[in-house]
Amino acid sequence: MAKQAKTAIKAKSAIDPNAKAFTKVIRCERSPKTGAYIFKESMVHKDNLAAALK
């Protein structure tokens, strides 16, 4: 097994600390033109999740 470099230590992430408060919502809808299914994706705050799924 190879040794890991000391520089490979995980640094603090540059991701927003509030990022875990959001959920990706994928909704399936029918196209009015063709009748085929369309998938719409959106990022919703977890507090507004129930309202987004109605």
PDB file of N, CA and C in Angstrom:
ATOM      1  N   MET A   1       0.848  -1.182   0.000  1.00  0.00           N
ATOM      2  CA  MET A   1       0.000   0.000   0.000  1.00  0.00           C
ATOM      3  C   MET A   1       0.888   1.238   0.000  1.00  0.00           C
ATOM      4  N   ALA A   2       0.471   2.209  -0.744  1.00  0.00           N
ATOM      5  CA  ALA A   2       1.238   3.442  -0.849  1.00  0.00           C
ATOM      6  C   ALA A   2       0.920   4.356   0.325  1.00  0.00           C
ATOM      7  N   LYS A   3       1.903   5.153   0.688  1.00  0.00           N
ATOM      8  CA  LYS A   3       1.694   6.113   1.762  1.00  0.00           C
ATOM      9  C   LYS A   3       1.005   7.349   1.215  1.00  0.00           C
ATOM     10  N   GLN A   4       0.203   7.981   2.050  1.00  0.00           N
ATOM     11  CA  GLN A   4      -0.450   9.213   1.643  1.00  0.00           C
ATOM     12  C   GLN A   4       0.462  10.386   1.965  1.00  0.00           C
ATOM     13  N   ALA A   5       0.469  11.357   1.107  1.00  0.00           N
ATOM     14  CA  ALA A   5       1.278  12.548   1.322  1.00  0.00           C
ATOM     15  C   ALA A   5       0.684  13.366   2.462  1.00  0.00           C
ATOM     16  N   LYS A   6       1.566  14.030   3.204  1.00  0.00           N
ATOM     17  CA  LYS A   6       1.086  14.853   4.307  1.00  0.00           C
ATOM     18  C   LYS A   6       0.259  16.025   3.818  1.00  0.00           C
ATOM     19  N   THR A   7       0.467  16.417   2.559  1.00  0.00           N
ATOM     20  CA  THR A   7      -0.287  17.542   2.002  1.00  0.00           C
ATOM     21  C   THR A   7      -1.701  17.135   1.606  1.00  0.00           C
ATOM     22  N   ALA A   8      -2.013  15.856   1.703  1.00  0.00           N
ATOM     23  CA  ALA A   8      -3.329  15.375   1.317  1.00  0.00           C
ATOM     24  C   ALA A   8      -4.346  15.531   2.448  1.00  0.00           C
ATOM     25  N   ILE A   9      -3.952  16.181   3.521  1.00  0.00           N
ATOM     26  CA  ILE A   9      -4.878  16.402   4.630  1.00  0.00           C
ATOM     27  C   ILE A   9      -6.018  17.288   4.146  1.00  0.00           C
ATOM     28  N   LYS A  10      -7.208  16.915   4.516  1.00  0.00           N
ATOM     29  CA  LYS A  10      -8.377  17.663   4.050  1.00  0.00           C
ATOM     30  C   LYS A  10      -8.378  19.071   4.629  1.00  0.00           C
ATOM     31  N   ALA A  11      -8.511  20.032   3.738  1.00  0.00           N
ATOM     32  CA  ALA A  11      -8.620  21.427   4.159  1.00  0.00           C
ATOM     33  C   ALA A  11     -10.090  21.745   4.369  1.00  0.00           C
ATOM     34  N   LYS A  12     -10.351  22.852   5.018  1.00  0.00           N
ATOM     35  CA  LYS A  12     -11.737  23.246   5.207  1.00  0.00           C
ATOM     36  C   LYS A  12     -12.379  23.493   3.846  1.00  0.00           C
ATOM     37  N   SER A  13     -13.573  23.051   3.703  1.00  0.00           N
ATOM     38  CA  SER A  13     -14.268  23.148   2.437  1.00  0.00           C
ATOM     39  C   SER A  13     -14.675  24.582   2.145  1.00  0.00           C
ATOM     40  N   ALA A  14     -14.639  24.932   0.866  1.00  0.00           N
ATOM     41  CA  ALA A  14     -15.044  26.271   0.441  1.00  0.00           C
ATOM     42  C   ALA A  14     -16.546  26.323   0.183  1.00  0.00           C
ATOM     43  N   ILE A  15     -17.262  25.233   0.477  1.00  0.00           N
ATOM     44  CA  ILE A  15     -18.699  25.177   0.258  1.00  0.00           C
ATOM     45  C   ILE A  15     -19.405  25.985   1.337  1.00  0.00           C
ATOM     46  N   ASP A  16     -20.482  26.631   0.942  1.00  0.00           N
ATOM     47  CA  ASP A  16     -21.279  27.425   1.872  1.00  0.00           C
ATOM     48  C   ASP A  16     -21.770  26.540   3.013  1.00  0.00           C
ATOM     49  N   PRO A  17     -21.616  26.966   4.273  1.00  0.00           N
ATOM     50  CA  PRO A  17     -22.061  26.135   5.405  1.00  0.00           C
ATOM     51  C   PRO A  17     -23.575  25.933   5.437  1.00  0.00           C
ATOM     52  N   ASN A  18     -24.326  26.768   4.747  1.00  0.00           N
ATOM     53  CA  ASN A  18     -25.782  26.623   4.703  1.00  0.00           C
ATOM     54  C   ASN A  18     -26.233  25.728   3.555  1.00  0.00           C
ATOM     55  N   ALA A  19     -25.312  25.122   2.841  1.00  0.00           N
ATOM     56  CA  ALA A  19     -25.655  24.305   1.678  1.00  0.00           C
ATOM     57  C   ALA A  19     -26.478  23.078   2.056  1.00  0.00           C
ATOM     58  N   LYS A  20     -26.297  22.559   3.262  1.00  0.00           N
ATOM     59  CA  LYS A  20     -27.057  21.379   3.670  1.00  0.00           C
ATOM     60  C   LYS A  20     -28.503  21.718   3.986  1.00  0.00           C
ATOM     61  N   ALA A  21     -28.853  22.980   3.978  1.00  0.00           N
ATOM     62  CA  ALA A  21     -30.221  23.396   4.264  1.00  0.00           C
ATOM     63  C   ALA A  21     -31.088  23.332   3.004  1.00  0.00           C
ATOM     64  N   PHE A  22     -30.491  23.002   1.861  1.00  0.00           N
ATOM     65  CA  PHE A  22     -31.233  22.956   0.613  1.00  0.00           C
ATOM     66  C   PHE A  22     -31.396  21.532   0.135  1.00  0.00           C
ATOM     67  N   THR A  23     -32.512  21.292  -0.593  1.00  0.00           N
ATOM     68  CA  THR A  23     -32.817  19.978  -1.123  1.00  0.00           C
ATOM     69  C   THR A  23     -33.112  20.107  -2.611  1.00  0.00           C
ATOM     70  N   LYS A  24     -32.637  19.172  -3.383  1.00  0.00           N
ATOM     71  CA  LYS A  24     -32.918  19.169  -4.814  1.00  0.00           C
ATOM     72  C   LYS A  24     -34.243  18.456  -5.045  1.00  0.00           C
ATOM     73  N   VAL A  25     -35.183  19.146  -5.678  1.00  0.00           N
ATOM     74  CA  VAL A  25     -36.516  18.602  -5.940  1.00  0.00           C
ATOM     75  C   VAL A  25     -36.636  18.366  -7.439  1.00  0.00           C
ATOM     76  N   ILE A  26     -37.023  17.153  -7.810  1.00  0.00           N
ATOM     77  CA  ILE A  26     -37.238  16.811  -9.214  1.00  0.00           C
ATOM     78  C   ILE A  26     -38.714  16.463  -9.374  1.00  0.00           C
ATOM     79  N   ARG A  27     -39.398  17.256 -10.197  1.00  0.00           N
ATOM     80  CA  ARG A  27     -40.839  17.055 -10.412  1.00  0.00           C
ATOM     81  C   ARG A  27     -41.074  16.511 -11.810  1.00  0.00           C
ATOM     82  N   CYS A  28     -42.016  15.619 -11.932  1.00  0.00           N
ATOM     83  CA  CYS A  28     -42.383  15.032 -13.210  1.00  0.00           C
ATOM     84  C   CYS A  28     -43.702  15.653 -13.654  1.00  0.00           C
ATOM     85  N   GLU A  29     -43.714  16.273 -14.833  1.00  0.00           N
ATOM     86  CA  GLU A  29     -44.923  16.899 -15.358  1.00  0.00           C
ATOM     87  C   GLU A  29     -45.121  16.450 -16.797  1.00  0.00           C
ATOM     88  N   ARG A  30     -46.348  16.584 -17.268  1.00  0.00           N
ATOM     89  CA  ARG A  30     -46.644  16.230 -18.653  1.00  0.00           C
ATOM     90  C   ARG A  30     -46.589  17.475 -19.521  1.00  0.00           C
ATOM     91  N   SER A  31     -45.990  17.343 -20.683  1.00  0.00           N
ATOM     92  CA  SER A  31     -45.892  18.446 -21.624  1.00  0.00           C
ATOM     93  C   SER A  31     -47.263  18.695 -22.251  1.00  0.00           C
ATOM     94  N   PRO A  32     -47.715  19.949 -22.288  1.00  0.00           N
ATOM     95  CA  PRO A  32     -49.019  20.220 -22.899  1.00  0.00           C
ATOM     96  C   PRO A  32     -49.014  20.005 -24.411  1.00  0.00           C
ATOM     97  N   LYS A  33     -47.851  20.135 -25.057  1.00  0.00           N
ATOM     98  CA  LYS A  33     -47.777  19.974 -26.517  1.00  0.00           C
ATOM     99  C   LYS A  33     -47.766  18.516 -26.942  1.00  0.00           C
ATOM    100  N   THR A  34     -46.844  17.746 -26.369  1.00  0.00           N
ATOM    101  CA  THR A  34     -46.641  16.378 -26.844  1.00  0.00           C
ATOM    102  C   THR A  34     -47.227  15.313 -25.929  1.00  0.00           C
ATOM    103  N   GLY A  35     -47.482  15.651 -24.684  1.00  0.00           N
ATOM    104  CA  GLY A  35     -47.975  14.659 -23.743  1.00  0.00           C
ATOM    105  C   GLY A  35     -46.869  13.830 -23.125  1.00  0.00           C
ATOM    106  N   ALA A  36     -45.623  14.107 -23.508  1.00  0.00           N
ATOM    107  CA  ALA A  36     -44.483  13.382 -22.938  1.00  0.00           C
ATOM    108  C   ALA A  36     -44.166  13.939 -21.550  1.00  0.00           C
ATOM    109  N   TYR A  37     -43.460  13.162 -20.773  1.00  0.00           N
ATOM    110  CA  TYR A  37     -43.094  13.609 -19.439  1.00  0.00           C
ATOM    111  C   TYR A  37     -41.883  14.536 -19.491  1.00  0.00           C
ATOM    112  N   ILE A  38     -41.904  15.566 -18.655  1.00  0.00           N
ATOM    113  CA  ILE A  38     -40.813  16.519 -18.518  1.00  0.00           C
ATOM    114  C   ILE A  38     -40.388  16.503 -17.057  1.00  0.00           C
ATOM    115  N   PHE A  39     -39.096  16.505 -16.819  1.00  0.00           N
ATOM    116  CA  PHE A  39     -38.578  16.541 -15.458  1.00  0.00           C
ATOM    117  C   PHE A  39     -38.029  17.930 -15.181  1.00  0.00           C
ATOM    118  N   LYS A  40     -38.561  18.585 -14.147  1.00  0.00           N
ATOM    119  CA  LYS A  40     -38.125  19.919 -13.770  1.00  0.00           C
ATOM    120  C   LYS A  40     -37.391  19.832 -12.442  1.00  0.00           C
ATOM    121  N   GLU A  41     -36.173  20.386 -12.399  1.00  0.00           N
ATOM    122  CA  GLU A  41     -35.346  20.340 -11.208  1.00  0.00           C
ATOM    123  C   GLU A  41     -35.272  21.725 -10.580  1.00  0.00           C
ATOM    124  N   SER A  42     -35.266  21.769  -9.253  1.00  0.00           N
ATOM    125  CA  SER A  42     -35.106  23.040  -8.556  1.00  0.00           C
ATOM    126  C   SER A  42     -34.485  22.777  -7.190  1.00  0.00           C
ATOM    127  N   MET A  43     -33.810  23.793  -6.665  1.00  0.00           N
ATOM    128  CA  MET A  43     -33.219  23.734  -5.339  1.00  0.00           C
ATOM    129  C   MET A  43     -34.144  24.487  -4.393  1.00  0.00           C
ATOM    130  N   VAL A  44     -34.594  23.818  -3.326  1.00  0.00           N
ATOM    131  CA  VAL A  44     -35.571  24.380  -2.407  1.00  0.00           C
ATOM    132  C   VAL A  44     -35.010  24.312  -0.986  1.00  0.00           C
ATOM    133  N   HIS A  45     -35.219  25.367  -0.229  1.00  0.00           N
ATOM    134  CA  HIS A  45     -34.805  25.367   1.175  1.00  0.00           C
ATOM    135  C   HIS A  45     -35.658  24.354   1.924  1.00  0.00           C
ATOM    136  N   LYS A  46     -35.077  23.668   2.888  1.00  0.00           N
ATOM    137  CA  LYS A  46     -35.801  22.590   3.572  1.00  0.00           C
ATOM    138  C   LYS A  46     -37.029  23.081   4.328  1.00  0.00           C
ATOM    139  N   ASP A  47     -37.069  24.373   4.694  1.00  0.00           N
ATOM    140  CA  ASP A  47     -38.253  24.900   5.349  1.00  0.00           C
ATOM    141  C   ASP A  47     -39.417  25.064   4.374  1.00  0.00           C
ATOM    142  N   ASN A  48     -39.137  25.234   3.088  1.00  0.00           N
ATOM    143  CA  ASN A  48     -40.177  25.438   2.074  1.00  0.00           C
ATOM    144  C   ASN A  48     -40.445  24.179   1.261  1.00  0.00           C
ATOM    145  N   LEU A  49     -39.972  23.059   1.720  1.00  0.00           N
ATOM    146  CA  LEU A  49     -40.086  21.818   0.965  1.00  0.00           C
ATOM    147  C   LEU A  49     -41.528  21.364   0.797  1.00  0.00           C
ATOM    148  N   ALA A  50     -42.319  21.422   1.845  1.00  0.00           N
ATOM    149  CA  ALA A  50     -43.709  20.977   1.752  1.00  0.00           C
ATOM    150  C   ALA A  50     -44.508  21.835   0.792  1.00  0.00           C
ATOM    151  N   ALA A  51     -44.260  23.129   0.784  1.00  0.00           N
ATOM    152  CA  ALA A  51     -44.971  24.023  -0.127  1.00  0.00           C
ATOM    153  C   ALA A  51     -44.560  23.788  -1.579  1.00  0.00           C
ATOM    154  N   ALA A  52     -43.298  23.421  -1.801  1.00  0.00           N
ATOM    155  CA  ALA A  52     -42.813  23.186  -3.155  1.00  0.00           C
ATOM    156  C   ALA A  52     -43.374  21.898  -3.749  1.00  0.00           C
ATOM    157  N   LEU A  53     -43.710  20.931  -2.918  1.00  0.00           N
ATOM    158  CA  LEU A  53     -44.223  19.662  -3.415  1.00  0.00           C
ATOM    159  C   LEU A  53     -45.732  19.632  -3.598  1.00  0.00           C
ATOM    160  N   LYS A  54     -46.414  20.667  -3.173  1.00  0.00           N
ATOM    161  CA  LYS A  54     -47.872  20.697  -3.356  1.00  0.00           C
ATOM    162  C   LYS A  54     -48.239  20.946  -4.786  1.00  0.00           C
TER     163      LYS A  54
END
